[in-house]
Amino acid sequence: EIGHPDLLARRLRAAQAAAERGADISRAMLASAQHEANPRGEALQLDDIIAALWPVLVNALPKRMHLRREPSGRPLRAVVDPDGLRGALIALLGNAADAHSGRGVVTIRSFEEPARPGQGAGMVAIEGVDDGPGMAAEVRERAFDPFFTTRSPYRVGLGLTGVHSFAVRHSGSADIRSAPGQGTCVTIRLPLARSQQTPGVAPRD
């Protein structure tokens, strides 16, 4: 019934994005129920994974929003499941999109956090920073809770739960910095795989 090719393409992209979002929610629910730790994977360069996922991440945001990337520019590696990282980042972007009523900017950045005493090789940090309205303290404290949402009752409330679950499964952590009127920063930390680090070239936007 759709005769215009551009409209058809937009509808198909929206349907695909919705199906992928549903799959990510299902995986988050399953992982949360199983409390799976240390999933199988190999040491991969985080900047390379994010660069490969970039077209998918851009399409996960509404057209009114802009997605920026700030790669570390260094071959930072972590043992990670790329599909799990994809789901976590899409969930993070979905949360940012829900918070914006108008145009907005989300920045994905990656960098190394030096090791603390007794911590080992340090951590790779992946941050999602938005310029939205921010969260009140009581909302921020519950943001990782399963099924907690301040949005429509039709929302599942598993987006940031999936982000936290992904980090914990990879022996890492996640936290939120946010305040009303100051936007939100969600940080995922993963153990740095220094022993498998090899020279690489930083991806270009």
Protein backbone atom coordinates (compact mmCIF):
# COMPACT_ATOMS: atom_id res chain seq x y z
CA GLU A 1 0.00 0.00 0.00
CA ILE A 2 3.03 2.30 0.28
CA GLY A 3 3.98 3.66 -3.10
CA HIS A 4 6.72 6.10 -2.16
CA PRO A 5 10.15 4.39 -1.86
CA ASP A 6 11.51 6.81 0.76
CA LEU A 7 8.46 6.38 2.98
CA LEU A 8 8.71 2.62 2.63
CA ALA A 9 12.39 2.72 3.60
CA ARG A 10 11.62 4.82 6.68
CA ARG A 11 8.85 2.48 7.76
CA LEU A 12 11.10 -0.55 7.32
CA ARG A 13 13.92 1.07 9.30
CA ALA A 14 11.49 1.90 12.10
CA ALA A 15 10.18 -1.67 12.13
CA GLN A 16 13.71 -3.08 12.19
CA ALA A 17 14.73 -0.74 15.01
CA ALA A 18 11.67 -1.77 17.03
CA ALA A 19 12.41 -5.47 16.49
CA GLU A 20 16.04 -5.00 17.53
CA ARG A 21 14.95 -3.05 20.59
CA GLY A 22 12.60 -5.89 21.54
CA ALA A 23 15.42 -8.40 21.14
CA ASP A 24 17.70 -6.28 23.34
CA ILE A 25 15.02 -6.09 26.04
CA SER A 26 14.56 -9.87 25.89
CA ARG A 27 18.30 -10.42 26.25
CA ALA A 28 18.43 -7.99 29.19
CA MET A 29 15.60 -9.84 30.93
CA LEU A 30 17.25 -13.21 30.36
CA ALA A 31 20.66 -12.01 31.52
CA SER A 32 19.17 -10.38 34.59
CA ALA A 33 17.35 -13.59 35.49
CA GLN A 34 20.41 -15.80 34.96
CA HIS A 35 22.95 -13.45 36.58
CA GLU A 36 25.44 -14.72 34.02
CA ALA A 37 29.04 -13.73 34.77
CA ASN A 38 32.13 -13.60 32.58
CA PRO A 39 30.50 -14.37 29.22
CA ARG A 40 32.65 -15.83 26.49
CA GLY A 41 34.42 -13.31 24.31
CA GLU A 42 37.80 -12.11 23.15
CA ALA A 43 39.88 -9.04 23.82
CA LEU A 44 38.64 -6.44 21.33
CA GLN A 45 39.41 -2.78 20.77
CA LEU A 46 36.49 -0.77 22.10
CA ASP A 47 36.91 2.11 19.62
CA ASP A 48 36.75 -0.36 16.73
CA ILE A 49 33.57 -1.99 18.07
CA ILE A 50 31.87 1.37 18.59
CA ALA A 51 32.91 2.50 15.09
CA ALA A 52 31.41 -0.67 13.58
CA LEU A 53 28.19 -0.15 15.55
CA TRP A 54 27.94 3.55 14.71
CA PRO A 55 25.33 3.33 11.89
CA VAL A 56 23.09 1.25 14.16
CA LEU A 57 23.54 3.66 17.06
CA VAL A 58 22.77 6.72 14.91
CA ASN A 59 19.51 5.10 13.77
CA ALA A 60 18.58 4.35 17.39
CA LEU A 61 18.04 8.06 18.05
CA PRO A 62 15.18 10.20 16.73
CA LYS A 63 16.11 12.43 13.79
CA ARG A 64 15.82 15.53 15.97
CA MET A 65 18.76 14.36 18.06
CA HIS A 66 22.45 14.34 17.18
CA LEU A 67 24.95 11.64 18.16
CA ARG A 68 28.62 12.54 18.62
CA ARG A 69 31.60 10.26 19.13
CA GLU A 70 34.77 10.93 21.09
CA PRO A 71 37.03 7.88 20.65
CA SER A 72 39.97 7.36 22.95
CA GLY A 73 42.36 7.29 19.99
CA ARG A 74 44.20 4.44 21.70
CA PRO A 75 44.02 0.65 21.28
CA LEU A 76 42.14 0.03 24.53
CA ARG A 77 41.00 -3.57 24.66
CA ALA A 78 38.56 -5.44 26.85
CA VAL A 79 37.10 -8.93 26.81
CA VAL A 80 33.62 -8.11 25.63
CA ASP A 81 30.64 -9.53 23.79
CA PRO A 82 30.00 -7.08 20.90
CA ASP A 83 26.29 -7.94 20.77
CA GLY A 84 26.00 -7.23 24.47
CA LEU A 85 27.75 -3.88 24.08
CA ARG A 86 25.46 -3.02 21.19
CA GLY A 87 22.40 -3.73 23.33
CA ALA A 88 23.76 -1.73 26.25
CA LEU A 89 24.54 1.31 24.09
CA ILE A 90 21.16 1.19 22.35
CA ALA A 91 19.46 1.00 25.75
CA LEU A 92 21.52 3.96 26.92
CA LEU A 93 20.53 5.98 23.84
CA GLY A 94 16.89 5.01 24.27
CA ASN A 95 16.94 6.37 27.80
CA ALA A 96 18.48 9.64 26.57
CA ALA A 97 15.89 9.94 23.80
CA ASP A 98 13.04 9.42 26.26
CA ALA A 99 14.34 12.29 28.38
CA HIS A 100 14.39 14.81 25.53
CA SER A 101 11.28 16.61 24.37
CA GLY A 102 13.07 18.66 21.72
CA ARG A 103 16.39 18.57 19.94
CA GLY A 104 19.34 17.24 21.86
CA VAL A 105 22.89 15.91 21.68
CA VAL A 106 24.26 12.64 23.00
CA THR A 107 28.00 12.00 23.13
CA ILE A 108 29.58 8.55 23.31
CA ARG A 109 33.15 8.73 24.56
CA SER A 110 35.71 6.12 25.54
CA PHE A 111 38.86 6.49 27.62
CA GLU A 112 41.12 4.67 30.06
CA GLU A 113 40.77 4.98 33.79
CA PRO A 114 44.16 4.31 35.48
CA ALA A 115 44.31 1.42 37.88
CA ARG A 116 43.77 2.10 41.54
CA PRO A 117 45.95 0.36 44.14
CA GLY A 118 45.21 -3.36 44.03
CA GLN A 119 42.89 -3.01 41.04
CA GLY A 120 45.15 -4.60 38.41
CA ALA A 121 45.30 -3.29 34.86
CA GLY A 122 42.79 -0.47 35.13
CA MET A 123 39.48 0.01 33.35
CA VAL A 124 38.10 1.04 29.99
CA ALA A 125 35.30 3.55 30.43
CA ILE A 126 32.49 4.14 27.93
CA GLU A 127 30.33 7.14 28.69
CA GLY A 128 27.02 8.24 27.27
CA VAL A 129 26.45 11.93 28.02
CA ASP A 130 23.26 13.79 27.11
CA ASP A 131 22.15 17.39 27.51
CA GLY A 132 18.65 16.50 28.65
CA PRO A 133 16.79 17.66 31.75
CA GLY A 134 18.68 15.38 34.11
CA MET A 135 17.37 13.27 36.97
CA ALA A 136 16.28 14.06 40.49
CA ALA A 137 18.25 12.23 43.17
CA GLU A 138 15.43 9.81 43.95
CA VAL A 139 15.09 8.86 40.27
CA ARG A 140 18.84 8.49 39.79
CA GLU A 141 19.10 6.13 42.76
CA ARG A 142 16.50 3.78 41.25
CA ALA A 143 17.43 4.12 37.57
CA PHE A 144 19.09 0.68 37.39
CA ASP A 145 16.19 -1.08 39.14
CA PRO A 146 14.30 -3.56 36.92
CA PHE A 147 10.96 -2.25 35.62
CA PHE A 148 11.43 1.19 37.17
CA THR A 149 10.37 3.95 34.80
CA THR A 150 9.07 7.51 35.01
CA ARG A 151 7.74 7.35 31.45
CA SER A 152 4.56 5.99 29.95
CA PRO A 153 3.03 2.95 31.69
CA TYR A 154 3.61 1.14 28.38
CA ARG A 155 7.38 1.42 28.83
CA VAL A 156 9.11 -1.70 30.14
CA GLY A 157 11.66 0.00 32.37
CA LEU A 158 14.54 -2.34 31.53
CA GLY A 159 16.78 -0.02 29.50
CA LEU A 160 19.30 1.05 32.12
CA THR A 161 18.85 -2.27 33.91
CA GLY A 162 20.32 -3.87 30.79
CA VAL A 163 23.24 -1.44 30.84
CA HIS A 164 24.06 -2.34 34.44
CA SER A 165 23.58 -6.05 33.81
CA PHE A 166 25.95 -5.92 30.81
CA ALA A 167 28.68 -4.24 32.87
CA VAL A 168 28.36 -6.66 35.79
CA ARG A 169 28.41 -9.71 33.49
CA HIS A 170 31.72 -8.45 32.12
CA SER A 171 33.23 -8.03 35.61
CA GLY A 172 32.75 -4.27 35.38
CA SER A 173 30.43 -1.66 36.79
CA ALA A 174 28.08 1.13 35.77
CA ASP A 175 27.07 4.37 37.41
CA ILE A 176 25.02 7.48 36.73
CA ARG A 177 25.86 11.13 37.31
CA SER A 178 22.90 13.43 36.88
CA ALA A 179 21.10 16.38 38.40
CA PRO A 180 18.05 18.42 37.36
CA GLY A 181 18.99 20.79 34.55
CA GLN A 182 22.47 19.31 34.15
CA GLY A 183 21.93 16.38 31.80
CA THR A 184 22.88 12.76 32.47
CA CYS A 185 26.13 10.81 32.18
CA VAL A 186 26.02 7.00 32.27
CA THR A 187 29.43 5.34 32.59
CA ILE A 188 30.19 1.70 31.81
CA ARG A 189 33.53 0.42 33.12
CA LEU A 190 35.15 -2.78 31.84
CA PRO A 191 38.47 -4.35 32.91
CA LEU A 192 41.30 -3.34 30.59
CA ALA A 193 42.95 -6.32 28.85
CA ARG A 194 46.51 -5.00 28.83
CA SER A 195 48.12 -8.39 28.25
CA GLN A 196 46.40 -8.63 24.87
CA GLN A 197 46.88 -5.02 23.84
CA THR A 198 48.30 -4.52 20.36
CA PRO A 199 48.99 -1.38 18.32
CA GLY A 200 46.05 -0.09 16.34
CA VAL A 201 44.71 2.85 14.43
CA ALA A 202 41.94 4.96 15.91
CA PRO A 203 38.79 5.01 13.75
CA ARG A 204 37.74 8.22 12.05
CA ASP A 205 34.27 9.72 12.11
